[in-house]
């Protein structure tokens, strides 16, 4: 009798500032099996995507290195796994890789470097300097470990049914069709307090917030269901106008000192007016 092979569910293999991992149960309630596709224009670590495991999806992000890494995992995982196997955890190795010119690397090596730096950097931040070079410091011994081959294989399988889009969020939303479910988790623009929002070489601005609201209104007019998660602040009122808002608590881990880590409130904003989906 053959031994039963244990199926490993896909989990995010990246750490990401602003991840919604702790409110996935609340977010999952809005999604149902009747949707044709799942669409996410600010994908980050894709925690909700991996949780829902939809049949079809479009995932996009302005961070080209992030999308390139997902593409390598999707199409050429063995090469990425081989390169990751050559990398050893350590502060010295981290800074060697950080300052390495990625232009001299193969696509598999660039993806392995991206995963390594992400796993071992401070709090999973993605920040670049004025030259566009990654400059987050080493995260120390508590930074975590490189994802296992089995974990990456599960992610690769989930990504097989995904279309990946590199670019501004509008580029992804333009792909939306009737019957899609859209989840949007943009970087926070909060004027009256410091919130980390540098997820790529560019910074999410108030003008981007206004553009996002226009896209929300367009989706709503086309009767396409969407959910937006955002910090509870006056700027969020722009996004929430005319829609349903629910407040949830989220423990933030992005802070320079441990005593600054506290529960913050966020909005879940949606145009879905019916009861929770089954």
Protein backbone atom coordinates (compact mmCIF):
# COMPACT_ATOMS: atom_id res chain seq x y z
CA UNK A 1 0.00 0.00 0.00
CA UNK A 2 1.44 3.35 -1.04
CA UNK A 3 2.11 5.89 1.67
CA UNK A 4 -0.21 8.87 1.52
CA UNK A 5 1.50 11.99 0.19
CA UNK A 6 0.72 14.97 2.36
CA UNK A 7 -0.43 17.98 0.36
CA UNK A 8 1.26 21.23 1.34
CA UNK A 9 -1.00 24.26 0.96
CA UNK A 10 0.63 27.26 -0.65
CA UNK A 11 1.70 29.94 1.81
CA UNK A 12 3.33 33.31 1.09
CA UNK A 13 7.07 32.77 0.66
CA UNK A 14 7.84 36.48 1.09
CA UNK A 15 7.65 38.77 4.10
CA UNK A 16 6.00 42.07 3.23
CA UNK A 17 5.38 45.38 4.96
CA UNK A 18 1.64 45.87 5.38
CA UNK A 19 0.81 42.19 4.94
CA UNK A 20 -2.81 41.36 5.78
CA UNK A 21 -2.00 37.88 7.09
CA UNK A 22 -3.65 38.55 10.46
CA UNK A 23 -6.97 39.70 9.00
CA UNK A 24 -7.28 37.03 6.31
CA UNK A 25 -10.37 35.50 7.99
CA UNK A 26 -12.23 38.82 7.71
CA UNK A 27 -11.08 39.44 4.13
CA UNK A 28 -11.87 35.89 3.01
CA UNK A 29 -15.53 36.35 3.95
CA UNK A 30 -16.06 38.62 0.95
CA UNK A 31 -14.92 36.10 -1.64
CA UNK A 32 -16.99 33.26 -3.06
CA UNK A 33 -16.67 30.42 -5.57
CA UNK A 34 -19.04 32.13 -8.01
CA UNK A 35 -16.39 34.62 -9.13
CA UNK A 36 -14.67 33.95 -12.45
CA UNK A 37 -11.32 35.45 -11.46
CA UNK A 38 -9.45 36.96 -8.55
CA UNK A 39 -7.66 40.25 -9.34
CA UNK A 40 -5.11 41.99 -7.09
CA UNK A 41 -3.21 45.06 -8.37
CA UNK A 42 -1.06 45.60 -5.21
CA UNK A 43 -0.05 41.99 -4.71
CA UNK A 44 2.93 42.21 -2.29
CA UNK A 45 3.28 38.81 -0.62
CA UNK A 46 -0.08 37.66 -2.07
CA UNK A 47 -1.31 36.40 1.31
CA UNK A 48 -5.01 36.59 0.41
CA UNK A 49 -4.43 35.00 -3.00
CA UNK A 50 -2.67 32.01 -1.47
CA UNK A 51 -5.33 31.75 1.24
CA UNK A 52 -8.23 31.70 -1.26
CA UNK A 53 -6.42 29.65 -3.93
CA UNK A 54 -8.78 30.81 -6.73
CA UNK A 55 -9.09 28.91 -10.00
CA UNK A 56 -7.92 31.90 -12.05
CA UNK A 57 -6.24 35.16 -11.09
CA UNK A 58 -4.45 38.30 -12.23
CA UNK A 59 -1.75 39.57 -9.86
CA UNK A 60 0.02 42.87 -10.43
CA UNK A 61 2.43 45.21 -8.70
CA UNK A 62 4.53 48.26 -9.52
CA UNK A 63 7.56 46.50 -8.03
CA UNK A 64 9.14 44.92 -11.13
CA UNK A 65 11.58 42.82 -9.08
CA UNK A 66 8.68 41.32 -7.14
CA UNK A 67 6.77 40.36 -10.29
CA UNK A 68 9.94 39.01 -11.91
CA UNK A 69 10.47 36.80 -8.87
CA UNK A 70 6.93 35.44 -9.10
CA UNK A 71 7.52 34.70 -12.80
CA UNK A 72 10.68 32.75 -12.03
CA UNK A 73 8.91 30.74 -9.34
CA UNK A 74 6.03 30.05 -11.74
CA UNK A 75 8.05 29.01 -14.79
CA UNK A 76 11.56 28.11 -13.66
CA UNK A 77 11.44 27.03 -10.02
CA UNK A 78 14.27 24.41 -10.22
CA UNK A 79 16.76 27.09 -11.23
CA UNK A 80 15.70 29.39 -8.39
CA UNK A 81 15.89 26.51 -5.89
CA UNK A 82 19.41 25.66 -7.01
CA UNK A 83 20.56 29.24 -6.54
CA UNK A 84 18.89 29.52 -3.13
CA UNK A 85 20.66 26.32 -2.07
CA UNK A 86 24.00 28.07 -2.58
CA UNK A 87 23.15 30.90 -0.17
CA UNK A 88 23.93 30.65 3.55
CA UNK A 89 22.27 32.73 6.22
CA UNK A 90 24.43 35.42 7.77
CA UNK A 91 24.97 39.14 8.12
CA UNK A 92 28.13 39.20 6.02
CA UNK A 93 26.51 37.25 3.19
CA UNK A 94 23.44 39.50 3.37
CA UNK A 95 25.43 42.68 2.77
CA UNK A 96 27.49 41.01 0.03
CA UNK A 97 24.30 40.16 -1.84
CA UNK A 98 22.69 43.53 -1.13
CA UNK A 99 25.48 45.47 -2.80
CA UNK A 100 25.83 43.03 -5.70
CA UNK A 101 24.91 44.48 -9.11
CA UNK A 102 21.86 42.46 -10.15
CA UNK A 103 22.53 43.32 -13.79
CA UNK A 104 25.27 40.68 -13.86
CA UNK A 105 22.94 37.97 -12.53
CA UNK A 106 20.77 35.49 -14.39
CA UNK A 107 16.97 35.72 -13.87
CA UNK A 108 17.12 32.75 -11.47
CA UNK A 109 19.94 34.35 -9.49
CA UNK A 110 18.05 37.65 -9.29
CA UNK A 111 14.97 35.86 -7.97
CA UNK A 112 17.03 33.95 -5.40
CA UNK A 113 18.70 37.19 -4.32
CA UNK A 114 15.32 38.92 -4.00
CA UNK A 115 13.94 36.10 -1.82
CA UNK A 116 17.08 35.96 0.31
CA UNK A 117 17.17 39.71 0.96
CA UNK A 118 13.44 39.74 1.66
CA UNK A 119 13.64 36.90 4.18
CA UNK A 120 16.60 38.30 6.09
CA UNK A 121 16.06 42.07 5.91
CA UNK A 122 14.58 44.17 8.71
CA UNK A 123 10.83 43.42 9.06
CA UNK A 124 10.33 42.41 5.43
CA UNK A 125 10.63 46.00 4.21
CA UNK A 126 11.21 46.89 0.59
CA UNK A 127 12.94 50.24 0.34
CA UNK A 128 15.29 51.70 -2.24
CA UNK A 129 17.57 54.73 -2.30
CA UNK A 130 17.50 57.55 -4.86
CA UNK A 131 19.42 55.33 -7.29
CA UNK A 132 16.78 52.60 -6.99
CA UNK A 133 19.07 50.28 -5.02
CA UNK A 134 17.69 48.13 -2.20
CA UNK A 135 19.02 49.51 1.10
CA UNK A 136 17.17 47.82 3.99
CA UNK A 137 19.52 46.67 6.80
CA UNK A 138 20.00 43.09 7.96
CA UNK A 139 17.20 41.84 10.20
CA UNK A 140 19.26 39.79 12.63
CA UNK A 141 18.79 36.24 13.91
CA UNK A 142 14.99 36.53 14.15
CA UNK A 143 14.61 37.31 10.45
CA UNK A 144 13.47 33.79 9.51
CA UNK A 145 14.66 31.17 7.05
CA UNK A 146 14.79 30.53 3.32
CA UNK A 147 11.53 28.85 2.16
CA UNK A 148 11.80 25.10 1.64
CA UNK A 149 11.65 23.53 -1.82
CA UNK A 150 8.28 21.99 -0.95
CA UNK A 151 6.88 25.38 0.10
CA UNK A 152 8.10 27.03 -3.10
CA UNK A 153 6.77 24.15 -5.18
CA UNK A 154 3.29 24.65 -3.71
CA UNK A 155 3.48 28.35 -4.57
CA UNK A 156 4.64 27.56 -8.11
CA UNK A 157 1.64 25.29 -8.57
CA UNK A 158 -0.74 28.02 -7.35
CA UNK A 159 0.90 30.56 -9.67
CA UNK A 160 0.40 28.35 -12.75
CA UNK A 161 -3.16 29.68 -13.08
CA UNK A 162 -2.09 33.31 -12.66
CA UNK A 163 -1.48 36.10 -15.13
CA UNK A 164 1.26 38.40 -13.79
CA UNK A 165 1.28 42.12 -14.56
CA UNK A 166 4.21 44.46 -13.88
CA UNK A 167 3.31 48.13 -13.58
CA UNK A 168 1.05 50.75 -12.04
CA UNK A 169 -2.14 49.47 -10.41
CA UNK A 170 -4.26 50.91 -13.23
CA UNK A 171 -2.58 48.51 -15.67
CA UNK A 172 -3.94 45.56 -13.70
CA UNK A 173 -7.40 47.02 -13.05
CA UNK A 174 -7.80 47.68 -16.78
CA UNK A 175 -7.81 43.88 -17.23
CA UNK A 176 -10.89 43.42 -15.03
CA UNK A 177 -13.99 41.88 -16.59
CA UNK A 178 -17.54 41.19 -15.47
CA UNK A 179 -17.63 38.42 -12.88
CA UNK A 180 -14.22 39.22 -11.39
CA UNK A 181 -13.48 39.88 -7.71
CA UNK A 182 -10.97 42.68 -7.08
CA UNK A 183 -8.94 43.05 -3.88
CA UNK A 184 -6.90 46.23 -3.43
CA UNK A 185 -4.40 46.81 -0.63
CA UNK A 186 -2.52 49.98 -1.62
CA UNK A 187 0.42 51.48 0.27
CA UNK A 188 -0.87 53.91 2.89
CA UNK A 189 -0.82 57.64 2.29
CA UNK A 190 -1.39 59.16 5.75
CA UNK A 191 -0.54 62.84 6.17
CA UNK A 192 -0.68 63.20 9.96
CA UNK A 193 1.51 60.25 10.99
CA UNK A 194 4.51 58.27 9.78
CA UNK A 195 3.47 55.12 7.96
CA UNK A 196 5.94 53.12 5.91
CA UNK A 197 4.84 53.19 2.27
CA UNK A 198 7.96 52.71 0.13
CA UNK A 199 7.24 49.36 -1.50
CA UNK A 200 8.95 50.18 -4.78
CA UNK A 201 11.12 52.86 -6.33
CA UNK A 202 8.15 55.23 -6.24
CA UNK A 203 5.99 56.42 -3.35
CA UNK A 204 2.21 56.23 -3.20
CA UNK A 205 0.94 59.81 -3.27
CA UNK A 206 -2.36 61.57 -2.59
CA UNK A 207 -2.88 61.82 -6.34
CA UNK A 208 -2.64 58.02 -6.52
CA UNK A 209 -5.29 57.79 -3.82
CA UNK A 210 -7.57 59.97 -5.92
CA UNK A 211 -6.91 57.83 -8.99
CA UNK A 212 -7.70 54.70 -7.02
CA UNK A 213 -11.05 56.15 -5.90
CA UNK A 214 -11.94 56.85 -9.54
CA UNK A 215 -11.19 53.24 -10.41
CA UNK A 216 -13.31 52.03 -7.50
CA UNK A 217 -16.21 54.10 -8.83
CA UNK A 218 -15.68 52.70 -12.33
CA UNK A 219 -15.74 49.13 -10.99
CA UNK A 220 -18.84 49.83 -8.98
CA UNK A 221 -20.60 51.32 -12.01
CA UNK A 222 -19.77 48.12 -13.92
CA UNK A 223 -21.19 46.07 -11.02
CA UNK A 224 -17.83 44.45 -10.29
CA UNK A 225 -17.30 43.49 -6.65
CA UNK A 226 -14.24 44.84 -4.86
CA UNK A 227 -12.68 45.04 -1.41
CA UNK A 228 -10.11 47.64 -0.32
CA UNK A 229 -8.07 47.53 2.89
CA UNK A 230 -6.62 50.80 4.16
CA UNK A 231 -5.47 52.56 7.34
CA UNK A 232 -8.29 54.16 9.32
CA UNK A 233 -7.51 57.83 8.76
CA UNK A 234 -8.98 60.93 7.18
CA UNK A 235 -7.47 60.00 3.83
CA UNK A 236 -9.43 56.73 3.89
CA UNK A 237 -12.65 58.72 3.92
CA UNK A 238 -11.89 59.58 0.29
CA UNK A 239 -11.92 55.90 -0.62
CA UNK A 240 -14.86 55.02 1.63
CA UNK A 241 -17.29 57.64 0.37
CA UNK A 242 -20.40 55.86 -0.89
CA UNK A 243 -19.24 52.40 0.20
CA UNK A 244 -19.48 50.10 3.21
CA UNK A 245 -16.68 50.47 5.79
CA UNK A 246 -15.77 47.95 8.48
CA UNK A 247 -13.11 48.64 11.12
CA UNK A 248 -10.62 45.92 12.07
CA UNK A 249 -7.60 45.88 14.38
CA UNK A 250 -4.18 45.06 12.99
CA UNK A 251 -0.96 44.66 14.96
CA UNK A 252 1.74 46.57 13.12
CA UNK A 253 5.29 45.23 13.03
CA UNK A 254 6.89 48.10 11.13
CA UNK A 255 8.62 50.19 13.76
CA UNK A 256 12.14 51.00 14.79
CA UNK A 257 11.58 49.99 18.40
CA UNK A 258 9.53 47.16 19.89
CA UNK A 259 7.60 49.46 22.25
CA UNK A 260 6.21 51.26 19.19
CA UNK A 261 4.54 48.10 17.92
CA UNK A 262 0.86 48.35 18.70
CA UNK A 263 -2.59 47.62 17.39
CA UNK A 264 -3.80 50.03 14.75
CA UNK A 265 -7.19 50.29 13.12
CA UNK A 266 -7.80 49.71 9.45
CA UNK A 267 -10.82 49.93 7.20
CA UNK A 268 -12.17 47.20 4.99
CA UNK A 269 -14.05 49.11 2.28
CA UNK A 270 -16.36 47.31 -0.15
CA UNK A 271 -19.25 47.69 -2.56
CA UNK A 272 -20.52 44.20 -1.67
CA UNK A 273 -23.85 44.85 0.03
CA UNK A 274 -25.20 41.34 0.37
CA UNK A 275 -24.56 38.97 3.29
CA UNK A 276 -21.33 37.00 3.67
CA UNK A 277 -20.65 34.58 0.84
CA UNK A 278 -20.70 30.83 1.33
